[in-house]
C-alpha atoms as a PDB file:
ATOM      1  CA  GLU A   1       0.300   0.052  -0.229  1.00  0.00           C
ATOM      2  CA  GLN A   2       2.802   2.230   0.975  1.00  0.00           C
ATOM      3  CA  PHE A   3       4.132   2.121  -3.242  1.00  0.00           C
ATOM      4  CA  HIS A   4       0.259   2.157  -4.867  1.00  0.00           C
ATOM      5  CA  ASP A   5       0.906   5.523  -6.819  1.00  0.00           C
ATOM      6  CA  ARG A   6       5.327   4.302  -7.378  1.00  0.00           C
ATOM      7  CA  PRO A   7       5.083   0.589  -8.486  1.00  0.00           C
ATOM      8  CA  ASP A   8       8.281   0.865  -9.787  1.00  0.00           C
ATOM      9  CA  LYS A   9       9.739   1.323  -6.299  1.00  0.00           C
ATOM     10  CA  LEU A  10       7.479  -1.777  -5.337  1.00  0.00           C
ATOM     11  CA  VAL A  11       9.413  -3.912  -7.754  1.00  0.00           C
ATOM     12  CA  GLU A  12      12.579  -2.222  -7.165  1.00  0.00           C
ATOM     13  CA  ILE A  13      12.757  -3.640  -3.603  1.00  0.00           C
ATOM     14  CA  LEU A  14      10.723  -6.908  -4.484  1.00  0.00           C
ATOM     15  CA  ASN A  15      13.309  -7.772  -7.027  1.00  0.00           C
ATOM     16  CA  GLU A  16      16.336  -6.841  -4.502  1.00  0.00           C
ATOM     17  CA  TYR A  17      14.912  -9.613  -1.490  1.00  0.00           C
ATOM     18  CA  LEU A  18      14.023 -11.820  -4.328  1.00  0.00           C
ATOM     19  CA  ASP A  19      17.323 -11.637  -5.955  1.00  0.00           C
ATOM     20  CA  GLU A  20      18.661 -11.908  -1.990  1.00  0.00           C
ATOM     21  CA  MET A  21      16.779 -14.781  -1.419  1.00  0.00           C
ATOM     22  CA  THR A  22      17.132 -16.653  -4.643  1.00  0.00           C
ATOM     23  CA  ALA A  23      21.124 -16.396  -4.439  1.00  0.00           C
ATOM     24  CA  ILE A  24      20.878 -18.511  -1.033  1.00  0.00           C
ATOM     25  CA  VAL A  25      18.250 -20.968  -2.426  1.00  0.00           C
ATOM     26  CA  LEU A  26      21.062 -21.527  -5.188  1.00  0.00           C
ATOM     27  CA  LYS A  27      23.999 -21.738  -2.689  1.00  0.00           C
ATOM     28  CA  TYR A  28      22.664 -24.861  -1.258  1.00  0.00           C
ATOM     29  CA  GLN A  29      22.034 -26.385  -4.384  1.00  0.00           C
ATOM     30  CA  GLY A  30      18.328 -26.119  -4.607  1.00  0.00           C
ATOM     31  CA  THR A  31      15.882 -25.963  -7.687  1.00  0.00           C
ATOM     32  CA  LEU A  32      14.130 -23.251  -7.981  1.00  0.00           C
ATOM     33  CA  ASP A  33      10.866 -23.954  -8.624  1.00  0.00           C
ATOM     34  CA  LYS A  34       9.021 -20.780  -9.096  1.00  0.00           C
ATOM     35  CA  TYR A  35       7.906 -16.933  -7.838  1.00  0.00           C
ATOM     36  CA  GLU A  36       4.441 -16.474  -6.677  1.00  0.00           C
ATOM     37  CA  GLY A  37       3.960 -12.967  -5.783  1.00  0.00           C
ATOM     38  CA  ASP A  38       6.560 -11.803  -3.324  1.00  0.00           C
ATOM     39  CA  ALA A  39       6.937 -15.667  -2.511  1.00  0.00           C
ATOM     40  CA  ILE A  40       9.877 -18.259  -3.178  1.00  0.00           C
ATOM     41  CA  MET A  41       8.829 -22.225  -3.973  1.00  0.00           C
ATOM     42  CA  ALA A  42      12.332 -24.265  -3.854  1.00  0.00           C
ATOM     43  CA  PHE A  43      12.898 -27.836  -3.474  1.00  0.00           C
ATOM     44  CA  TRP A  44      16.011 -29.999  -3.070  1.00  0.00           C
ATOM     45  CA  GLY A  45      16.608 -33.673  -3.905  1.00  0.00           C
ATOM     46  CA  ALA A  46      15.873 -33.295  -7.950  1.00  0.00           C
ATOM     47  CA  PRO A  47      17.142 -33.403 -10.650  1.00  0.00           C
ATOM     48  CA  ILE A  48      20.670 -34.227  -8.599  1.00  0.00           C
ATOM     49  CA  ALA A  49      19.685 -36.559  -5.737  1.00  0.00           C
ATOM     50  CA  GLN A  50      20.954 -35.612  -1.968  1.00  0.00           C
ATOM     51  CA  LYS A  51      21.209 -37.409   0.656  1.00  0.00           C
ATOM     52  CA  ASP A  52      20.911 -34.061   2.648  1.00  0.00           C
ATOM     53  CA  HIS A  53      18.220 -32.293   1.070  1.00  0.00           C
ATOM     54  CA  ALA A  54      16.305 -31.761   4.164  1.00  0.00           C
ATOM     55  CA  MET A  55      19.391 -30.475   5.952  1.00  0.00           C
ATOM     56  CA  ARG A  56      20.282 -28.396   3.099  1.00  0.00           C
ATOM     57  CA  CYS A  57      16.740 -26.500   2.885  1.00  0.00           C
ATOM     58  CA  VAL A  58      16.473 -25.660   6.273  1.00  0.00           C
ATOM     59  CA  THR A  59      20.113 -24.317   6.210  1.00  0.00           C
ATOM     60  CA  ALA A  60      19.219 -22.506   3.633  1.00  0.00           C
ATOM     61  CA  ALA A  61      15.951 -20.959   5.518  1.00  0.00           C
ATOM     62  CA  LEU A  62      18.039 -19.840   8.653  1.00  0.00           C
ATOM     63  CA  GLU A  63      20.593 -18.477   6.494  1.00  0.00           C
ATOM     64  CA  MET A  64      17.642 -15.809   4.538  1.00  0.00           C
ATOM     65  CA  GLN A  65      16.224 -15.264   8.161  1.00  0.00           C
ATOM     66  CA  ASN A  66      19.605 -13.976   8.569  1.00  0.00           C
ATOM     67  CA  ARG A  67      20.175 -12.330   5.741  1.00  0.00           C
ATOM     68  CA  LEU A  68      16.441 -10.425   6.286  1.00  0.00           C
ATOM     69  CA  THR A  69      17.871  -9.166   9.905  1.00  0.00           C
ATOM     70  CA  VAL A  70      20.508  -7.394   8.063  1.00  0.00           C
ATOM     71  CA  LEU A  71      18.601  -6.289   5.286  1.00  0.00           C
ATOM     72  CA  ARG A  72      15.976  -4.796   7.082  1.00  0.00           C
ATOM     73  CA  ALA A  73      18.425  -2.515   9.000  1.00  0.00           C
ATOM     74  CA  LYS A  74      19.117  -1.466   5.341  1.00  0.00           C
ATOM     75  CA  TRP A  75      15.825  -0.488   4.367  1.00  0.00           C
ATOM     76  CA  LYS A  76      15.099   1.169   7.383  1.00  0.00           C
ATOM     77  CA  LYS A  77      17.551   3.403   6.895  1.00  0.00           C
ATOM     78  CA  GLU A  78      16.385   3.792   2.878  1.00  0.00           C
ATOM     79  CA  GLY A  79      12.622   4.861   4.472  1.00  0.00           C
ATOM     80  CA  ARG A  80      11.697   1.276   2.976  1.00  0.00           C
ATOM     81  CA  PRO A  81       9.449  -0.870   4.566  1.00  0.00           C
ATOM     82  CA  PRO A  82      10.542  -4.181   6.585  1.00  0.00           C
ATOM     83  CA  LEU A  83       9.700  -7.051   4.927  1.00  0.00           C
ATOM     84  CA  ILE A  84       8.850 -10.255   7.109  1.00  0.00           C
ATOM     85  CA  VAL A  85       9.033 -13.531   5.805  1.00  0.00           C
ATOM     86  CA  ARG A  86       7.848 -17.347   6.577  1.00  0.00           C
ATOM     87  CA  CYS A  87       9.182 -20.156   5.638  1.00  0.00           C
ATOM     88  CA  GLY A  88       7.395 -23.637   5.320  1.00  0.00           C
ATOM     89  CA  ILE A  89       9.363 -26.739   4.820  1.00  0.00           C
ATOM     90  CA  ASN A  90       8.194 -30.617   4.777  1.00  0.00           C
ATOM     91  CA  THR A  91       9.836 -33.826   3.362  1.00  0.00           C
ATOM     92  CA  GLY A  92       8.086 -37.003   1.886  1.00  0.00           C
ATOM     93  CA  VAL A  93       6.905 -38.621  -1.478  1.00  0.00           C
ATOM     94  CA  MET A  94       6.005 -36.775  -4.519  1.00  0.00           C
ATOM     95  CA  ILE A  95       6.270 -36.123  -8.198  1.00  0.00           C
ATOM     96  CA  VAL A  96       8.619 -33.890  -9.660  1.00  0.00           C
ATOM     97  CA  GLY A  97       9.012 -33.522 -13.566  1.00  0.00           C
ATOM     98  CA  ASN A  98       7.629 -31.590 -16.516  1.00  0.00           C
ATOM     99  CA  ILE A  99       4.384 -31.017 -15.855  1.00  0.00           C
ATOM    100  CA  GLY A 100       2.146 -29.009 -18.371  1.00  0.00           C
ATOM    101  CA  GLY A 101       0.867 -28.859 -22.587  1.00  0.00           C
ATOM    102  CA  LYS A 102       2.871 -29.781 -25.243  1.00  0.00           C
ATOM    103  CA  GLU A 103       3.264 -26.034 -25.547  1.00  0.00           C
ATOM    104  CA  ARG A 104       4.246 -25.024 -22.205  1.00  0.00           C
ATOM    105  CA  PHE A 105       5.206 -26.817 -18.995  1.00  0.00           C
ATOM    106  CA  ASP A 106       7.297 -26.451 -15.836  1.00  0.00           C
ATOM    107  CA  TYR A 107       9.893 -28.446 -14.299  1.00  0.00           C
ATOM    108  CA  THR A 108       8.099 -28.546 -10.302  1.00  0.00           C
ATOM    109  CA  VAL A 109       6.793 -30.487  -8.023  1.00  0.00           C
ATOM    110  CA  ILE A 110       3.298 -31.587  -6.999  1.00  0.00           C
ATOM    111  CA  GLY A 111       1.387 -33.631  -4.594  1.00  0.00           C
ATOM    112  CA  ASP A 112       0.517 -33.976  -0.589  1.00  0.00           C
ATOM    113  CA  SER A 113       3.034 -33.540   0.627  1.00  0.00           C
ATOM    114  CA  VAL A 114       4.244 -30.372  -1.288  1.00  0.00           C
ATOM    115  CA  ASN A 115       0.642 -28.663  -0.304  1.00  0.00           C
ATOM    116  CA  LEU A 116       1.403 -29.443   3.756  1.00  0.00           C
ATOM    117  CA  ALA A 117       5.075 -27.185   3.008  1.00  0.00           C
ATOM    118  CA  SER A 118       2.442 -25.092   2.034  1.00  0.00           C
ATOM    119  CA  ARG A 119       0.190 -24.675   4.356  1.00  0.00           C
ATOM    120  CA  LEU A 120       2.891 -24.439   7.328  1.00  0.00           C
ATOM    121  CA  GLU A 121       3.881 -20.873   5.728  1.00  0.00           C
ATOM    122  CA  GLY A 122       0.558 -19.888   6.436  1.00  0.00           C
ATOM    123  CA  ALA A 123       0.468 -21.366   9.767  1.00  0.00           C
ATOM    124  CA  ASN A 124       3.154 -19.833  11.324  1.00  0.00           C
ATOM    125  CA  LYS A 125       1.479 -16.396  11.752  1.00  0.00           C
ATOM    126  CA  GLN A 126      -0.624 -17.783  14.333  1.00  0.00           C
ATOM    127  CA  TYR A 127       2.490 -19.074  16.584  1.00  0.00           C
ATOM    128  CA  ASN A 128       4.756 -15.921  15.417  1.00  0.00           C
ATOM    129  CA  SER A 129       7.714 -17.864  14.228  1.00  0.00           C
ATOM    130  CA  HIS A 130       9.331 -17.492  11.170  1.00  0.00           C
ATOM    131  CA  ILE A 131      10.688 -21.208   9.884  1.00  0.00           C
ATOM    132  CA  MET A 132       8.122 -24.452  10.338  1.00  0.00           C
ATOM    133  CA  ILE A 133       9.050 -28.041   9.293  1.00  0.00           C
ATOM    134  CA  SER A 134       6.995 -30.809   9.790  1.00  0.00           C
ATOM    135  CA  ASP A 135       8.048 -34.295  11.985  1.00  0.00           C
ATOM    136  CA  MET A 136       8.702 -35.677   8.760  1.00  0.00           C
ATOM    137  CA  THR A 137      11.922 -32.882   8.400  1.00  0.00           C
ATOM    138  CA  TYR A 138      12.623 -33.232  12.068  1.00  0.00           C
ATOM    139  CA  GLN A 139      13.471 -36.797  11.802  1.00  0.00           C
ATOM    140  CA  HIS A 140      15.885 -35.782   8.998  1.00  0.00           C
ATOM    141  CA  VAL A 141      17.563 -33.139  10.707  1.00  0.00           C
ATOM    142  CA  LYS A 142      17.091 -33.109  14.636  1.00  0.00           C
ATOM    143  CA  SER A 143      20.690 -33.928  15.350  1.00  0.00           C
ATOM    144  CA  ASN A 144      21.610 -30.988  13.754  1.00  0.00           C
ATOM    145  CA  VAL A 145      19.140 -28.147  14.137  1.00  0.00           C
ATOM    146  CA  THR A 146      17.449 -25.884  17.709  1.00  0.00           C
ATOM    147  CA  VAL A 147      13.939 -26.285  17.423  1.00  0.00           C
ATOM    148  CA  ARG A 148      10.963 -25.502  19.313  1.00  0.00           C
ATOM    149  CA  GLU A 149       7.532 -28.124  19.443  1.00  0.00           C
ATOM    150  CA  LEU A 150       5.548 -25.623  18.328  1.00  0.00           C
ATOM    151  CA  ASP A 151       1.628 -28.106  18.207  1.00  0.00           C
ATOM    152  CA  MET A 152      -0.166 -31.216  16.645  1.00  0.00           C
ATOM    153  CA  LEU A 153      -1.205 -29.242  13.648  1.00  0.00           C
ATOM    154  CA  GLN A 154      -4.599 -29.972  11.945  1.00  0.00           C
ATOM    155  CA  VAL A 155      -3.898 -28.391   8.563  1.00  0.00           C
ATOM    156  CA  LYS A 156      -6.600 -28.513   5.643  1.00  0.00           C
ATOM    157  CA  GLY A 157      -6.558 -31.803   3.376  1.00  0.00           C
ATOM    158  CA  LYS A 158      -5.096 -34.270   6.265  1.00  0.00           C
ATOM    159  CA  THR A 159      -7.434 -36.515   8.484  1.00  0.00           C
ATOM    160  CA  GLU A 160      -4.090 -37.041  10.774  1.00  0.00           C
ATOM    161  CA  PRO A 161      -2.755 -34.312  12.931  1.00  0.00           C
ATOM    162  CA  VAL A 162       0.776 -33.005  11.921  1.00  0.00           C
ATOM    163  CA  LYS A 163       3.898 -32.399  14.850  1.00  0.00           C
ATOM    164  CA  VAL A 164       4.960 -29.232  13.465  1.00  0.00           C
ATOM    165  CA  TYR A 165       8.403 -27.201  15.008  1.00  0.00           C
ATOM    166  CA  GLU A 166       9.713 -24.141  15.029  1.00  0.00           C
ATOM    167  CA  VAL A 167      13.681 -23.763  13.616  1.00  0.00           C
ATOM    168  CA  LEU A 168      15.490 -21.296  15.967  1.00  0.00           C
ATOM    169  CA  GLY A 169      19.070 -22.639  14.922  1.00  0.00           C
ATOM    170  CA  HIS A 170      21.705 -24.857  14.060  1.00  0.00           C
ATOM    171  CA  GLY A 171      22.000 -27.643  16.790  1.00  0.00           C
ATOM    172  CA  ASP A 172      25.342 -25.574  17.745  1.00  0.00           C
ATOM    173  CA  MET A 173      23.844 -21.969  18.637  1.00  0.00           C
ATOM    174  CA  ASP A 174      24.345 -20.167  21.809  1.00  0.00           C
ATOM    175  CA  LEU A 175      21.915 -19.925  23.567  1.00  0.00           C
ATOM    176  CA  THR A 176      21.562 -18.308  26.996  1.00  0.00           C
ATOM    177  CA  GLU A 177      21.085 -19.565  30.650  1.00  0.00           C
ATOM    178  CA  GLN A 178      17.903 -18.193  30.434  1.00  0.00           C
ATOM    179  CA  GLN A 179      16.710 -19.263  26.287  1.00  0.00           C
ATOM    180  CA  THR A 180      18.025 -22.665  27.659  1.00  0.00           C
ATOM    181  CA  GLN A 181      15.997 -22.828  31.362  1.00  0.00           C
ATOM    182  CA  ALA A 182      12.716 -21.013  28.989  1.00  0.00           C
ATOM    183  CA  LEU A 183      12.908 -23.609  26.513  1.00  0.00           C
ATOM    184  CA  GLU A 184      13.052 -26.564  28.792  1.00  0.00           C
ATOM    185  CA  LEU A 185       9.940 -25.337  30.739  1.00  0.00           C
ATOM    186  CA  TYR A 186       8.197 -25.169  27.836  1.00  0.00           C
ATOM    187  CA  HIS A 187       8.787 -28.634  26.526  1.00  0.00           C
ATOM    188  CA  ALA A 188       7.484 -29.761  29.937  1.00  0.00           C
ATOM    189  CA  GLY A 189       4.627 -27.165  30.406  1.00  0.00           C
ATOM    190  CA  ILE A 190       3.391 -29.067  26.586  1.00  0.00           C
ATOM    191  CA  GLN A 191       3.955 -32.506  27.934  1.00  0.00           C
ATOM    192  CA  LEU A 192       1.492 -31.294  30.780  1.00  0.00           C
ATOM    193  CA  TYR A 193      -1.183 -29.917  28.548  1.00  0.00           C
ATOM    194  CA  ARG A 194      -1.254 -32.578  26.332  1.00  0.00           C
ATOM    195  CA  ASN A 195      -2.159 -34.512  29.663  1.00  0.00           C
ATOM    196  CA  ARG A 196      -4.685 -32.416  30.574  1.00  0.00           C
ATOM    197  CA  GLN A 197      -3.250 -30.882  33.519  1.00  0.00           C
ATOM    198  CA  TRP A 198      -4.309 -27.434  32.689  1.00  0.00           C
ATOM    199  CA  ASP A 199      -3.213 -25.872  36.207  1.00  0.00           C
ATOM    200  CA  GLU A 200       0.289 -27.272  35.862  1.00  0.00           C
ATOM    201  CA  ALA A 201       0.997 -26.485  32.111  1.00  0.00           C
ATOM    202  CA  ILE A 202      -0.530 -22.714  32.656  1.00  0.00           C
ATOM    203  CA  ALA A 203       1.975 -22.702  36.074  1.00  0.00           C
ATOM    204  CA  TYR A 204       5.203 -23.678  33.692  1.00  0.00           C
ATOM    205  CA  MET A 205       4.164 -21.048  30.598  1.00  0.00           C
ATOM    206  CA  GLN A 206       3.964 -18.268  33.091  1.00  0.00           C
ATOM    207  CA  GLN A 207       7.507 -19.516  34.350  1.00  0.00           C
ATOM    208  CA  VAL A 208       8.656 -19.166  30.811  1.00  0.00           C
ATOM    209  CA  ILE A 209       7.262 -15.695  29.992  1.00  0.00           C
ATOM    210  CA  LYS A 210       8.758 -14.140  33.395  1.00  0.00           C
ATOM    211  CA  ILE A 211      11.955 -15.912  31.930  1.00  0.00           C
ATOM    212  CA  ASP A 212      11.588 -14.751  28.255  1.00  0.00           C
ATOM    213  CA  PRO A 213       7.964 -11.937  27.641  1.00  0.00           C
ATOM    214  CA  THR A 214       9.072 -12.734  23.789  1.00  0.00           C
ATOM    215  CA  PHE A 215       8.041 -16.231  23.957  1.00  0.00           C
ATOM    216  CA  TYR A 216       4.900 -16.095  22.479  1.00  0.00           C
ATOM    217  CA  VAL A 217       3.494 -19.565  21.736  1.00  0.00           C
ATOM    218  CA  ALA A 218       4.095 -20.221  25.366  1.00  0.00           C
ATOM    219  CA  GLN A 219       1.509 -17.270  26.061  1.00  0.00           C
ATOM    220  CA  LEU A 220      -0.732 -19.034  23.572  1.00  0.00           C
ATOM    221  CA  TYR A 221      -0.445 -22.402  25.118  1.00  0.00           C
ATOM    222  CA  SER A 222      -1.377 -20.052  28.913  1.00  0.00           C
ATOM    223  CA  GLU A 223      -4.385 -19.075  26.973  1.00  0.00           C
ATOM    224  CA  ARG A 224      -5.306 -22.088  26.163  1.00  0.00           C
ATOM    225  CA  ALA A 225      -5.577 -24.183  28.975  1.00  0.00           C
ATOM    226  CA  GLY A 226      -7.067 -21.016  30.894  1.00  0.00           C
END
């Protein structure tokens, strides 16, 4: 809306953003599928198989967020709006190949696993998270990342809920003593919540919030349990 009368300025910032993010996808040997407005769709593991495809994708997403922190400071100085980006990542079986008509087609991926990644991207809004991964992806990367379990998410088109996590950083990321304590209390609180021990769950989540007032999802669970 800030650029409704200057579409050229909108294109300028959008191109800079897409250029920076695409470079990171390619750096980790991802395949750029398409741009959809300000969204980027990419996948790993095709056309060349990659044993570490899930980790490459998660690493790219983390680097994107780090790069955006730098870019937002730059854009603020230039009087431009800061762009907030969310990533949804899933790992699973899908079809990849040339899909379309005889005269025009795209090399792309389709399938339920692809749709789930898109759902997770949008679900970030609910949890105030930036990188959401499914349990299927987590099983591939769990020894190399630090995560915060978010929820058992019921997504459109799926009969069974999907366990999802927020990626906070690499496995060797430096957490302060307070951050570590807050994360441990939070995960303990989730188990109490799932066991329907509402009062205990609220008490744990309130401890988390006291340690880290920015721990949004702890506040979410505290409200749910109440």
